[in-house]
Amino acid sequence: MTHQLMNLPVAGELKLLDDIAEGYKAYQVLAHAVDLGLFDWLEGNPGSTRENIGAAMNINGMFMRSYLQALVDMGLLCHGDERYRNSAAASAMLVRSSPSRQTEWFRSIAAPRSSWARLGDTLKRDRPASGTSRSGPDRDFLQALAQRSLRGELQAVTRAVRGWEGFDGSRRLLDLGGGHGLYAIALCQAQPQLTATVFDQPHVTNFTQEYIEAYQLADRVDVANGDVSVDDFGSGYDIVLISHLLYKFRKDLPAIFRRVWQALNPGGLLVSNHWFCAPGCGMPAGGLVELDKSLRSFGHPLCYPEAFNAALDACGFVLKNELAVPGMSGETTLHLAAKR
């Protein structure tokens, strides 16, 4: 059937697609500005003219006014008297020297190896991608994880552990599968007598060492190379911290709990920070947030906190505290459990 184009009704829902498309355009504008180093340059050259910025960034002048205005509209640049400077938000999140920067996290969303960039393949896969340690996460990915943790999750976990009655007397901490090592670093900052070991695979701990040195804790935080699944991670620890690692052990949690129990001193503390399914496996945080969580935990967070707590008890732990921790992909559940 041939439609009369003049009489074809205009879909009333076009704004739904327009908003999604505008989001993509905004991402590209910001990603390009980050890659150019625009915010770093403006941090050192505040109050620059459009012409000066264009020359420094090598951008064609015919695009400069609208390009910079797009960043102003996003709240990332301030504009007055034909001069531009970073907004407070840009200085905090997008400047390389800022301890709160989020640039690697932001760029990781569309990185070639990200689950979002390869969503079609990811949705069809029935098991995590295989590979050797050499093909594991790259430096940018690990930086993105570190930056995600600093959105309040790490701070809340650190405060909760610091509130444990045995914290001041603790001397040795194991950050199991700790990646960037920021949890170990934060807890050592909070307790001057504490030393820590970050246990992870060699391609990860090379990057961990950079953070340890950046926070000037090389005399108290070290790394140990190994695979949590098969390698021994030692004993004599007062605290063992596990954050977002247990998803791959969810079919046999008691096995990993028993190994942690053996690694702890009597009365020592297991700190577990993980996502759990909502009751009935619902989606209280919305589809995109839940999908992001699912991609990061390969399909499923942990289920049934009651079963988790029962496994802790059966493996010789006493639950000291259980609380919700706000995170980027919805609340995580923090368990503090002491070795009997």
C-alpha atoms as a PDB file:
ATOM      1  CA  MET A   1       0.000   0.000   0.000  1.00  0.00           C
ATOM      2  CA  THR A   2       1.332   3.447  -0.920  1.00  0.00           C
ATOM      3  CA  HIS A   3       0.910   6.158   1.709  1.00  0.00           C
ATOM      4  CA  GLN A   4       0.074   9.734   0.835  1.00  0.00           C
ATOM      5  CA  LEU A   5       3.137  11.444   2.322  1.00  0.00           C
ATOM      6  CA  MET A   6       1.389  14.773   2.773  1.00  0.00           C
ATOM      7  CA  ASN A   7      -1.156  13.108   5.038  1.00  0.00           C
ATOM      8  CA  LEU A   8       1.266  10.842   6.910  1.00  0.00           C
ATOM      9  CA  PRO A   9       0.852  11.607  10.620  1.00  0.00           C
ATOM     10  CA  VAL A  10       3.948  12.713  12.510  1.00  0.00           C
ATOM     11  CA  ALA A  11       4.755  10.335  15.332  1.00  0.00           C
ATOM     12  CA  GLY A  12       4.112  12.028  18.638  1.00  0.00           C
ATOM     13  CA  GLU A  13       6.879  10.083  20.355  1.00  0.00           C
ATOM     14  CA  LEU A  14       9.780  11.447  18.296  1.00  0.00           C
ATOM     15  CA  LYS A  15      11.179  13.250  21.336  1.00  0.00           C
ATOM     16  CA  LEU A  16      12.047   9.862  22.848  1.00  0.00           C
ATOM     17  CA  LEU A  17      14.479   9.197  20.005  1.00  0.00           C
ATOM     18  CA  ASP A  18      15.628  12.802  19.868  1.00  0.00           C
ATOM     19  CA  ASP A  19      16.621  12.779  23.535  1.00  0.00           C
ATOM     20  CA  ILE A  20      18.611   9.560  23.094  1.00  0.00           C
ATOM     21  CA  ALA A  21      20.356  10.984  20.028  1.00  0.00           C
ATOM     22  CA  GLU A  22      21.135  14.227  21.872  1.00  0.00           C
ATOM     23  CA  GLY A  23      22.711  12.184  24.656  1.00  0.00           C
ATOM     24  CA  TYR A  24      24.985  10.487  22.140  1.00  0.00           C
ATOM     25  CA  LYS A  25      26.012  13.851  20.680  1.00  0.00           C
ATOM     26  CA  ALA A  26      26.727  15.235  24.151  1.00  0.00           C
ATOM     27  CA  TYR A  27      28.875  12.196  24.953  1.00  0.00           C
ATOM     28  CA  GLN A  28      30.903  12.739  21.771  1.00  0.00           C
ATOM     29  CA  VAL A  29      31.433  16.437  22.481  1.00  0.00           C
ATOM     30  CA  LEU A  30      32.670  15.756  26.000  1.00  0.00           C
ATOM     31  CA  ALA A  31      34.747  12.719  25.015  1.00  0.00           C
ATOM     32  CA  HIS A  32      36.498  14.784  22.350  1.00  0.00           C
ATOM     33  CA  ALA A  33      37.180  17.608  24.816  1.00  0.00           C
ATOM     34  CA  VAL A  34      38.667  15.118  27.283  1.00  0.00           C
ATOM     35  CA  ASP A  35      40.842  13.539  24.597  1.00  0.00           C
ATOM     36  CA  LEU A  36      42.055  16.966  23.467  1.00  0.00           C
ATOM     37  CA  GLY A  37      43.040  17.888  27.010  1.00  0.00           C
ATOM     38  CA  LEU A  38      40.792  20.958  26.843  1.00  0.00           C
ATOM     39  CA  PHE A  39      39.944  21.011  30.550  1.00  0.00           C
ATOM     40  CA  ASP A  40      43.564  20.512  31.603  1.00  0.00           C
ATOM     41  CA  TRP A  41      44.596  23.376  29.322  1.00  0.00           C
ATOM     42  CA  LEU A  42      41.882  25.712  30.594  1.00  0.00           C
ATOM     43  CA  GLU A  43      42.783  24.899  34.191  1.00  0.00           C
ATOM     44  CA  GLY A  44      46.173  26.452  33.464  1.00  0.00           C
ATOM     45  CA  ASN A  45      44.799  29.157  31.161  1.00  0.00           C
ATOM     46  CA  PRO A  46      41.515  30.371  32.683  1.00  0.00           C
ATOM     47  CA  GLY A  47      39.740  33.237  30.985  1.00  0.00           C
ATOM     48  CA  SER A  48      40.932  32.322  27.486  1.00  0.00           C
ATOM     49  CA  THR A  49      39.296  33.615  24.334  1.00  0.00           C
ATOM     50  CA  ARG A  50      37.651  31.410  21.761  1.00  0.00           C
ATOM     51  CA  GLU A  51      40.491  32.143  19.341  1.00  0.00           C
ATOM     52  CA  ASN A  52      43.182  31.164  21.840  1.00  0.00           C
ATOM     53  CA  ILE A  53      41.397  27.917  22.676  1.00  0.00           C
ATOM     54  CA  GLY A  54      40.935  27.075  19.004  1.00  0.00           C
ATOM     55  CA  ALA A  55      44.615  27.634  18.290  1.00  0.00           C
ATOM     56  CA  ALA A  56      45.739  25.586  21.295  1.00  0.00           C
ATOM     57  CA  MET A  57      43.358  22.701  20.526  1.00  0.00           C
ATOM     58  CA  ASN A  58      43.777  22.896  16.733  1.00  0.00           C
ATOM     59  CA  ILE A  59      40.024  23.187  16.121  1.00  0.00           C
ATOM     60  CA  ASN A  60      38.634  24.836  12.998  1.00  0.00           C
ATOM     61  CA  GLY A  61      37.382  28.291  13.952  1.00  0.00           C
ATOM     62  CA  MET A  62      34.030  27.838  12.190  1.00  0.00           C
ATOM     63  CA  PHE A  63      33.058  25.225  14.809  1.00  0.00           C
ATOM     64  CA  MET A  64      34.472  26.886  17.917  1.00  0.00           C
ATOM     65  CA  ARG A  65      31.541  29.029  19.012  1.00  0.00           C
ATOM     66  CA  SER A  66      28.981  26.209  18.931  1.00  0.00           C
ATOM     67  CA  TYR A  67      31.441  23.630  20.275  1.00  0.00           C
ATOM     68  CA  LEU A  68      32.298  25.713  23.325  1.00  0.00           C
ATOM     69  CA  GLN A  69      28.663  26.719  23.804  1.00  0.00           C
ATOM     70  CA  ALA A  70      27.717  23.037  23.915  1.00  0.00           C
ATOM     71  CA  LEU A  71      30.149  22.589  26.814  1.00  0.00           C
ATOM     72  CA  VAL A  72      28.729  25.706  28.481  1.00  0.00           C
ATOM     73  CA  ASP A  73      25.216  24.269  28.101  1.00  0.00           C
ATOM     74  CA  MET A  74      26.402  21.038  29.757  1.00  0.00           C
ATOM     75  CA  GLY A  75      27.620  23.016  32.776  1.00  0.00           C
ATOM     76  CA  LEU A  76      31.282  22.223  32.116  1.00  0.00           C
ATOM     77  CA  LEU A  77      32.518  25.643  30.963  1.00  0.00           C
ATOM     78  CA  CYS A  78      31.713  29.147  32.171  1.00  0.00           C
ATOM     79  CA  HIS A  79      31.500  31.982  29.641  1.00  0.00           C
ATOM     80  CA  GLY A  80      31.598  35.731  30.158  1.00  0.00           C
ATOM     81  CA  ASP A  81      33.059  38.711  28.275  1.00  0.00           C
ATOM     82  CA  GLU A  82      33.951  36.370  25.402  1.00  0.00           C
ATOM     83  CA  ARG A  83      36.253  34.374  27.668  1.00  0.00           C
ATOM     84  CA  TYR A  84      35.992  30.798  28.905  1.00  0.00           C
ATOM     85  CA  ARG A  85      37.055  28.918  31.999  1.00  0.00           C
ATOM     86  CA  ASN A  86      36.325  25.551  33.569  1.00  0.00           C
ATOM     87  CA  SER A  87      33.267  25.263  35.763  1.00  0.00           C
ATOM     88  CA  ALA A  88      33.785  23.958  39.302  1.00  0.00           C
ATOM     89  CA  ALA A  89      32.349  20.612  38.188  1.00  0.00           C
ATOM     90  CA  ALA A  90      34.840  20.332  35.322  1.00  0.00           C
ATOM     91  CA  SER A  91      37.771  21.215  37.573  1.00  0.00           C
ATOM     92  CA  ALA A  92      36.749  18.495  40.019  1.00  0.00           C
ATOM     93  CA  MET A  93      35.868  15.726  37.550  1.00  0.00           C
ATOM     94  CA  LEU A  94      37.750  16.332  34.319  1.00  0.00           C
ATOM     95  CA  VAL A  95      41.163  17.757  35.204  1.00  0.00           C
ATOM     96  CA  ARG A  96      43.977  15.216  35.401  1.00  0.00           C
ATOM     97  CA  SER A  97      45.472  16.637  38.598  1.00  0.00           C
ATOM     98  CA  SER A  98      42.181  16.337  40.529  1.00  0.00           C
ATOM     99  CA  PRO A  99      41.979  13.398  42.976  1.00  0.00           C
ATOM    100  CA  SER A 100      38.252  13.182  42.146  1.00  0.00           C
ATOM    101  CA  ARG A 101      38.642  12.998  38.375  1.00  0.00           C
ATOM    102  CA  GLN A 102      36.302  10.728  36.410  1.00  0.00           C
ATOM    103  CA  THR A 103      37.764  10.965  32.914  1.00  0.00           C
ATOM    104  CA  GLU A 104      38.926   7.360  32.582  1.00  0.00           C
ATOM    105  CA  TRP A 105      35.578   6.098  33.858  1.00  0.00           C
ATOM    106  CA  PHE A 106      33.747   8.322  31.364  1.00  0.00           C
ATOM    107  CA  ARG A 107      35.858   7.197  28.412  1.00  0.00           C
ATOM    108  CA  SER A 108      35.657   3.531  29.465  1.00  0.00           C
ATOM    109  CA  ILE A 109      31.960   3.371  28.563  1.00  0.00           C
ATOM    110  CA  ALA A 110      32.725   3.462  24.843  1.00  0.00           C
ATOM    111  CA  ALA A 111      36.197   1.891  24.955  1.00  0.00           C
ATOM    112  CA  PRO A 112      36.601  -0.797  22.263  1.00  0.00           C
ATOM    113  CA  ARG A 113      36.789  -3.625  24.818  1.00  0.00           C
ATOM    114  CA  SER A 114      33.926  -2.431  27.017  1.00  0.00           C
ATOM    115  CA  SER A 115      30.782  -4.509  27.399  1.00  0.00           C
ATOM    116  CA  TRP A 116      28.717  -1.531  26.249  1.00  0.00           C
ATOM    117  CA  ALA A 117      30.747  -1.069  23.062  1.00  0.00           C
ATOM    118  CA  ARG A 118      30.378  -4.795  22.312  1.00  0.00           C
ATOM    119  CA  LEU A 119      26.873  -5.152  23.684  1.00  0.00           C
ATOM    120  CA  GLY A 120      25.627  -7.395  20.874  1.00  0.00           C
ATOM    121  CA  ASP A 121      28.374  -9.949  21.492  1.00  0.00           C
ATOM    122  CA  THR A 122      28.089  -9.642  25.263  1.00  0.00           C
ATOM    123  CA  LEU A 123      24.360 -10.361  25.318  1.00  0.00           C
ATOM    124  CA  LYS A 124      24.870 -13.575  23.339  1.00  0.00           C
ATOM    125  CA  ARG A 125      27.762 -14.909  25.415  1.00  0.00           C
ATOM    126  CA  ASP A 126      26.967 -17.753  27.832  1.00  0.00           C
ATOM    127  CA  ARG A 127      30.156 -17.458  29.887  1.00  0.00           C
ATOM    128  CA  PRO A 128      32.710 -14.745  30.694  1.00  0.00           C
ATOM    129  CA  ALA A 129      35.252 -14.067  27.975  1.00  0.00           C
ATOM    130  CA  SER A 130      38.228 -16.368  28.383  1.00  0.00           C
ATOM    131  CA  GLY A 131      41.845 -15.343  28.149  1.00  0.00           C
ATOM    132  CA  THR A 132      45.187 -15.416  29.871  1.00  0.00           C
ATOM    133  CA  SER A 133      46.335 -12.830  32.366  1.00  0.00           C
ATOM    134  CA  ARG A 134      48.056 -11.043  29.476  1.00  0.00           C
ATOM    135  CA  SER A 135      44.667 -10.401  27.896  1.00  0.00           C
ATOM    136  CA  GLY A 136      43.107  -9.136  31.115  1.00  0.00           C
ATOM    137  CA  PRO A 137      41.887  -5.639  31.934  1.00  0.00           C
ATOM    138  CA  ASP A 138      44.056  -2.816  30.681  1.00  0.00           C
ATOM    139  CA  ARG A 139      45.277   0.221  32.569  1.00  0.00           C
ATOM    140  CA  ASP A 140      42.411   2.494  31.496  1.00  0.00           C
ATOM    141  CA  PHE A 141      39.835  -0.085  32.611  1.00  0.00           C
ATOM    142  CA  LEU A 142      41.447  -0.405  36.035  1.00  0.00           C
ATOM    143  CA  GLN A 143      41.602   3.373  36.370  1.00  0.00           C
ATOM    144  CA  ALA A 144      37.896   3.507  35.531  1.00  0.00           C
ATOM    145  CA  LEU A 145      37.152   1.008  38.325  1.00  0.00           C
ATOM    146  CA  ALA A 146      39.186   3.102  40.735  1.00  0.00           C
ATOM    147  CA  GLN A 147      37.312   6.257  39.788  1.00  0.00           C
ATOM    148  CA  ARG A 148      33.931   4.531  40.136  1.00  0.00           C
ATOM    149  CA  SER A 149      34.817   3.459  43.667  1.00  0.00           C
ATOM    150  CA  LEU A 150      35.462   7.072  44.698  1.00  0.00           C
ATOM    151  CA  ARG A 151      31.863   8.143  44.042  1.00  0.00           C
ATOM    152  CA  GLY A 152      31.002   7.418  47.683  1.00  0.00           C
ATOM    153  CA  GLU A 153      31.214   3.631  47.836  1.00  0.00           C
ATOM    154  CA  LEU A 154      34.828   3.445  49.018  1.00  0.00           C
ATOM    155  CA  GLN A 155      34.273   6.241  51.504  1.00  0.00           C
ATOM    156  CA  ALA A 156      31.252   4.490  53.048  1.00  0.00           C
ATOM    157  CA  VAL A 157      33.009   1.113  53.246  1.00  0.00           C
ATOM    158  CA  THR A 158      36.081   2.670  54.864  1.00  0.00           C
ATOM    159  CA  ARG A 159      33.994   4.475  57.480  1.00  0.00           C
ATOM    160  CA  ALA A 160      32.105   1.272  58.319  1.00  0.00           C
ATOM    161  CA  VAL A 161      35.298  -0.761  58.759  1.00  0.00           C
ATOM    162  CA  ARG A 162      36.853   2.012  60.820  1.00  0.00           C
ATOM    163  CA  GLY A 163      33.838   1.758  63.137  1.00  0.00           C
ATOM    164  CA  TRP A 164      34.533  -1.925  63.919  1.00  0.00           C
ATOM    165  CA  GLU A 165      35.711  -2.313  67.509  1.00  0.00           C
ATOM    166  CA  GLY A 166      38.796  -4.269  66.472  1.00  0.00           C
ATOM    167  CA  PHE A 167      40.020  -1.802  63.870  1.00  0.00           C
ATOM    168  CA  ASP A 168      42.412   0.196  66.032  1.00  0.00           C
ATOM    169  CA  GLY A 169      44.177  -2.994  67.106  1.00  0.00           C
ATOM    170  CA  SER A 170      44.481  -4.407  63.589  1.00  0.00           C
ATOM    171  CA  ARG A 171      47.918  -4.668  62.041  1.00  0.00           C
ATOM    172  CA  ARG A 172      47.576  -6.678  58.795  1.00  0.00           C
ATOM    173  CA  LEU A 173      44.975  -6.371  56.045  1.00  0.00           C
ATOM    174  CA  LEU A 174      44.464  -8.430  52.884  1.00  0.00           C
ATOM    175  CA  ASP A 175      42.640  -6.776  49.973  1.00  0.00           C
ATOM    176  CA  LEU A 176      41.645  -9.892  48.044  1.00  0.00           C
ATOM    177  CA  GLY A 177      41.337  -9.316  44.304  1.00  0.00           C
ATOM    178  CA  GLY A 178      41.838  -5.678  45.212  1.00  0.00           C
ATOM    179  CA  GLY A 179      42.739  -4.351  41.767  1.00  0.00           C
ATOM    180  CA  HIS A 180      43.571  -0.671  42.153  1.00  0.00           C
ATOM    181  CA  GLY A 181      44.191  -1.106  45.881  1.00  0.00           C
ATOM    182  CA  LEU A 182      42.341   2.042  46.934  1.00  0.00           C
ATOM    183  CA  TYR A 183      40.411   0.231  49.689  1.00  0.00           C
ATOM    184  CA  ALA A 184      43.679  -0.929  51.247  1.00  0.00           C
ATOM    185  CA  ILE A 185      45.180   2.534  50.831  1.00  0.00           C
ATOM    186  CA  ALA A 186      42.163   4.260  52.421  1.00  0.00           C
ATOM    187  CA  LEU A 187      42.148   1.917  55.421  1.00  0.00           C
ATOM    188  CA  CYS A 188      45.896   2.352  55.948  1.00  0.00           C
ATOM    189  CA  GLN A 189      45.385   6.116  55.849  1.00  0.00           C
ATOM    190  CA  ALA A 190      42.733   5.702  58.562  1.00  0.00           C
ATOM    191  CA  GLN A 191      44.933   3.520  60.805  1.00  0.00           C
ATOM    192  CA  PRO A 192      48.640   4.434  61.011  1.00  0.00           C
ATOM    193  CA  GLN A 193      49.681   1.028  62.421  1.00  0.00           C
ATOM    194  CA  LEU A 194      47.986  -0.974  59.679  1.00  0.00           C
ATOM    195  CA  THR A 195      49.865  -2.633  56.814  1.00  0.00           C
ATOM    196  CA  ALA A 196      48.170  -4.147  53.782  1.00  0.00           C
ATOM    197  CA  THR A 197      48.682  -6.593  50.941  1.00  0.00           C
ATOM    198  CA  VAL A 198      46.743  -6.300  47.683  1.00  0.00           C
ATOM    199  CA  PHE A 199      46.388  -9.772  46.138  1.00  0.00           C
ATOM    200  CA  ASP A 200      45.677  -9.914  42.422  1.00  0.00           C
ATOM    201  CA  GLN A 201      47.091 -11.099  39.109  1.00  0.00           C
ATOM    202  CA  PRO A 202      50.400  -9.670  37.819  1.00  0.00           C
ATOM    203  CA  HIS A 203      48.888  -7.607  35.011  1.00  0.00           C
ATOM    204  CA  VAL A 204      46.756  -5.906  37.678  1.00  0.00           C
ATOM    205  CA  THR A 205      49.296  -5.406  40.461  1.00  0.00           C
ATOM    206  CA  ASN A 206      51.666  -3.542  38.151  1.00  0.00           C
ATOM    207  CA  PHE A 207      49.007  -0.844  38.059  1.00  0.00           C
ATOM    208  CA  THR A 208      48.226  -1.209  41.786  1.00  0.00           C
ATOM    209  CA  GLN A 209      51.814  -0.274  42.524  1.00  0.00           C
ATOM    210  CA  GLU A 210      51.333   3.064  40.768  1.00  0.00           C
ATOM    211  CA  TYR A 211      48.509   3.993  43.155  1.00  0.00           C
ATOM    212  CA  ILE A 212      50.493   2.851  46.182  1.00  0.00           C
ATOM    213  CA  GLU A 213      53.385   5.087  45.180  1.00  0.00           C
ATOM    214  CA  ALA A 214      51.094   8.003  44.317  1.00  0.00           C
ATOM    215  CA  TYR A 215      49.658   7.913  47.849  1.00  0.00           C
ATOM    216  CA  GLN A 216      53.160   7.507  49.343  1.00  0.00           C
ATOM    217  CA  LEU A 217      52.369   4.249  51.134  1.00  0.00           C
ATOM    218  CA  ALA A 218      54.996   1.944  49.623  1.00  0.00           C
ATOM    219  CA  ASP A 219      56.384   1.282  53.122  1.00  0.00           C
ATOM    220  CA  ARG A 220      53.015  -0.066  54.353  1.00  0.00           C
ATOM    221  CA  VAL A 221      51.125  -1.422  51.332  1.00  0.00           C
ATOM    222  CA  ASP A 222      52.543  -4.131  49.087  1.00  0.00           C
ATOM    223  CA  VAL A 223      51.228  -6.446  46.387  1.00  0.00           C
ATOM    224  CA  ALA A 224      51.136 -10.226  46.011  1.00  0.00           C
ATOM    225  CA  ASN A 225      50.639 -11.880  42.641  1.00  0.00           C
ATOM    226  CA  GLY A 226      48.275 -14.795  42.217  1.00  0.00           C
ATOM    227  CA  ASP A 227      44.901 -16.118  41.118  1.00  0.00           C
ATOM    228  CA  VAL A 228      42.338 -16.060  43.923  1.00  0.00           C
ATOM    229  CA  SER A 229      40.676 -19.150  42.465  1.00  0.00           C
ATOM    230  CA  VAL A 230      43.677 -21.443  42.872  1.00  0.00           C
ATOM    231  CA  ASP A 231      46.570 -19.778  44.691  1.00  0.00           C
ATOM    232  CA  ASP A 232      47.236 -19.527  48.410  1.00  0.00           C
ATOM    233  CA  PHE A 233      46.923 -15.997  49.729  1.00  0.00           C
ATOM    234  CA  GLY A 234      48.582 -16.502  53.086  1.00  0.00           C
ATOM    235  CA  SER A 235      47.463 -16.197  56.689  1.00  0.00           C
ATOM    236  CA  GLY A 236      47.847 -14.078  59.799  1.00  0.00           C
ATOM    237  CA  TYR A 237      45.565 -11.252  58.704  1.00  0.00           C
ATOM    238  CA  ASP A 238      43.361  -9.166  60.992  1.00  0.00           C
ATOM    239  CA  ILE A 239      41.105  -8.003  58.145  1.00  0.00           C
ATOM    240  CA  VAL A 240      40.307  -9.572  54.769  1.00  0.00           C
ATOM    241  CA  LEU A 241      38.421  -7.297  52.392  1.00  0.00           C
ATOM    242  CA  ILE A 242      36.592  -8.594  49.302  1.00  0.00           C
ATOM    243  CA  SER A 243      34.778  -6.102  47.072  1.00  0.00           C
ATOM    244  CA  HIS A 244      32.845  -7.123  43.929  1.00  0.00           C
ATOM    245  CA  LEU A 245      34.835 -10.341  43.557  1.00  0.00           C
ATOM    246  CA  LEU A 246      32.481 -13.075  44.787  1.00  0.00           C
ATOM    247  CA  TYR A 247      30.139 -13.119  41.786  1.00  0.00           C
ATOM    248  CA  LYS A 248      32.284 -15.736  40.077  1.00  0.00           C
ATOM    249  CA  PHE A 249      32.256 -17.826  43.287  1.00  0.00           C
ATOM    250  CA  ARG A 250      28.503 -17.559  43.869  1.00  0.00           C
ATOM    251  CA  LYS A 251      27.906 -21.250  43.143  1.00  0.00           C
ATOM    252  CA  ASP A 252      30.278 -22.283  45.938  1.00  0.00           C
ATOM    253  CA  LEU A 253      30.601 -19.448  48.443  1.00  0.00           C
ATOM    254  CA  PRO A 254      31.490 -21.768  51.367  1.00  0.00           C
ATOM    255  CA  ALA A 255      34.718 -22.768  49.589  1.00  0.00           C
ATOM    256  CA  ILE A 256      36.013 -19.186  49.443  1.00  0.00           C
ATOM    257  CA  PHE A 257      34.690 -18.426  52.944  1.00  0.00           C
ATOM    258  CA  ARG A 258      36.656 -21.358  54.376  1.00  0.00           C
ATOM    259  CA  ARG A 259      39.844 -20.110  52.733  1.00  0.00           C
ATOM    260  CA  VAL A 260      39.281 -16.618  54.129  1.00  0.00           C
ATOM    261  CA  TRP A 261      38.602 -18.112  57.577  1.00  0.00           C
ATOM    262  CA  GLN A 262      41.975 -19.847  57.432  1.00  0.00           C
ATOM    263  CA  ALA A 263      43.706 -16.618  56.407  1.00  0.00           C
ATOM    264  CA  LEU A 264      42.309 -14.638  59.359  1.00  0.00           C
ATOM    265  CA  ASN A 265      43.593 -14.440  62.903  1.00  0.00           C
ATOM    266  CA  PRO A 266      41.078 -15.415  65.630  1.00  0.00           C
ATOM    267  CA  GLY A 267      38.541 -12.606  65.903  1.00  0.00           C
ATOM    268  CA  GLY A 268      39.642 -11.203  62.547  1.00  0.00           C
ATOM    269  CA  LEU A 269      37.163  -9.482  60.248  1.00  0.00           C
ATOM    270  CA  LEU A 270      35.853 -10.439  56.811  1.00  0.00           C
ATOM    271  CA  VAL A 271      34.607  -7.386  54.910  1.00  0.00           C
ATOM    272  CA  SER A 272      32.371  -8.253  51.933  1.00  0.00           C
ATOM    273  CA  ASN A 273      30.995  -5.553  49.616  1.00  0.00           C
ATOM    274  CA  HIS A 274      28.735  -6.857  46.823  1.00  0.00           C
ATOM    275  CA  TRP A 275      25.490  -6.398  44.916  1.00  0.00           C
ATOM    276  CA  PHE A 276      22.589  -8.669  45.780  1.00  0.00           C
ATOM    277  CA  CYS A 277      19.441  -9.338  43.813  1.00  0.00           C
ATOM    278  CA  ALA A 278      16.393  -7.355  44.806  1.00  0.00           C
ATOM    279  CA  PRO A 279      13.544  -9.455  46.242  1.00  0.00           C
ATOM    280  CA  GLY A 280      12.036 -11.470  43.422  1.00  0.00           C
ATOM    281  CA  CYS A 281      14.974 -10.429  41.222  1.00  0.00           C
ATOM    282  CA  GLY A 282      13.165  -7.150  40.523  1.00  0.00           C
ATOM    283  CA  MET A 283      14.726  -3.987  39.130  1.00  0.00           C
ATOM    284  CA  PRO A 284      14.295  -1.183  41.672  1.00  0.00           C
ATOM    285  CA  ALA A 285      17.069   0.929  40.140  1.00  0.00           C
ATOM    286  CA  GLY A 286      15.790   0.890  36.546  1.00  0.00           C
ATOM    287  CA  GLY A 287      16.715  -1.137  33.502  1.00  0.00           C
ATOM    288  CA  LEU A 288      19.911   0.659  32.438  1.00  0.00           C
ATOM    289  CA  VAL A 289      21.384   0.606  35.938  1.00  0.00           C
ATOM    290  CA  GLU A 290      20.471  -3.051  36.394  1.00  0.00           C
ATOM    291  CA  LEU A 291      21.902  -3.952  32.988  1.00  0.00           C
ATOM    292  CA  ASP A 292      25.153  -2.168  33.834  1.00  0.00           C
ATOM    293  CA  LYS A 293      25.314  -4.120  37.078  1.00  0.00           C
ATOM    294  CA  SER A 294      24.583  -7.342  35.226  1.00  0.00           C
ATOM    295  CA  LEU A 295      27.323  -6.697  32.666  1.00  0.00           C
ATOM    296  CA  ARG A 296      29.845  -6.052  35.421  1.00  0.00           C
ATOM    297  CA  SER A 297      28.929  -9.187  37.404  1.00  0.00           C
ATOM    298  CA  PHE A 298      28.379 -11.290  34.252  1.00  0.00           C
ATOM    299  CA  GLY A 299      24.681 -11.788  34.346  1.00  0.00           C
ATOM    300  CA  HIS A 300      23.824 -11.893  37.986  1.00  0.00           C
ATOM    301  CA  PRO A 301      24.750 -10.369  41.334  1.00  0.00           C
ATOM    302  CA  LEU A 302      24.642 -12.514  44.450  1.00  0.00           C
ATOM    303  CA  CYS A 303      21.266 -13.913  45.469  1.00  0.00           C
ATOM    304  CA  TYR A 304      19.518 -14.343  48.795  1.00  0.00           C
ATOM    305  CA  PRO A 305      21.306 -12.459  51.593  1.00  0.00           C
ATOM    306  CA  GLU A 306      19.844 -15.002  54.023  1.00  0.00           C
ATOM    307  CA  ALA A 307      21.715 -17.836  52.280  1.00  0.00           C
ATOM    308  CA  PHE A 308      24.865 -15.698  52.207  1.00  0.00           C
ATOM    309  CA  ASN A 309      24.606 -15.087  55.949  1.00  0.00           C
ATOM    310  CA  ALA A 310      23.924 -18.776  56.602  1.00  0.00           C
ATOM    311  CA  ALA A 311      27.060 -19.708  54.645  1.00  0.00           C
ATOM    312  CA  LEU A 312      29.092 -17.256  56.718  1.00  0.00           C
ATOM    313  CA  ASP A 313      27.770 -18.810  59.914  1.00  0.00           C
ATOM    314  CA  ALA A 314      28.414 -22.369  58.717  1.00  0.00           C
ATOM    315  CA  CYS A 315      32.012 -21.444  57.867  1.00  0.00           C
ATOM    316  CA  GLY A 316      32.773 -20.059  61.311  1.00  0.00           C
ATOM    317  CA  PHE A 317      31.887 -16.371  61.065  1.00  0.00           C
ATOM    318  CA  VAL A 318      29.733 -14.193  63.316  1.00  0.00           C
ATOM    319  CA  LEU A 319      27.919 -11.400  61.491  1.00  0.00           C
ATOM    320  CA  LYS A 320      28.776  -8.092  63.169  1.00  0.00           C
ATOM    321  CA  ASN A 321      27.037  -5.698  60.830  1.00  0.00           C
ATOM    322  CA  GLU A 322      25.112  -5.628  57.573  1.00  0.00           C
ATOM    323  CA  LEU A 323      24.324  -2.353  55.881  1.00  0.00           C
ATOM    324  CA  ALA A 324      23.469  -0.837  52.522  1.00  0.00           C
ATOM    325  CA  VAL A 325      26.148   1.220  50.797  1.00  0.00           C
ATOM    326  CA  PRO A 326      25.216   3.692  48.035  1.00  0.00           C
ATOM    327  CA  GLY A 327      27.011   3.065  44.765  1.00  0.00           C
ATOM    328  CA  MET A 328      26.911   4.108  41.137  1.00  0.00           C
ATOM    329  CA  SER A 329      24.962   1.020  40.065  1.00  0.00           C
ATOM    330  CA  GLY A 330      22.595   0.949  43.011  1.00  0.00           C
ATOM    331  CA  GLU A 331      23.127  -0.079  46.606  1.00  0.00           C
ATOM    332  CA  THR A 332      25.666  -2.701  47.550  1.00  0.00           C
ATOM    333  CA  THR A 333      25.412  -4.773  50.720  1.00  0.00           C
ATOM    334  CA  LEU A 334      28.308  -4.579  53.137  1.00  0.00           C
ATOM    335  CA  HIS A 335      28.829  -7.532  55.483  1.00  0.00           C
ATOM    336  CA  LEU A 336      31.219  -7.318  58.420  1.00  0.00           C
ATOM    337  CA  ALA A 337      31.734 -10.799  59.873  1.00  0.00           C
ATOM    338  CA  ALA A 338      34.254 -11.843  62.539  1.00  0.00           C
ATOM    339  CA  LYS A 339      36.038 -15.180  62.731  1.00  0.00           C
ATOM    340  CA  ARG A 340      34.833 -17.267  65.673  1.00  0.00           C
END
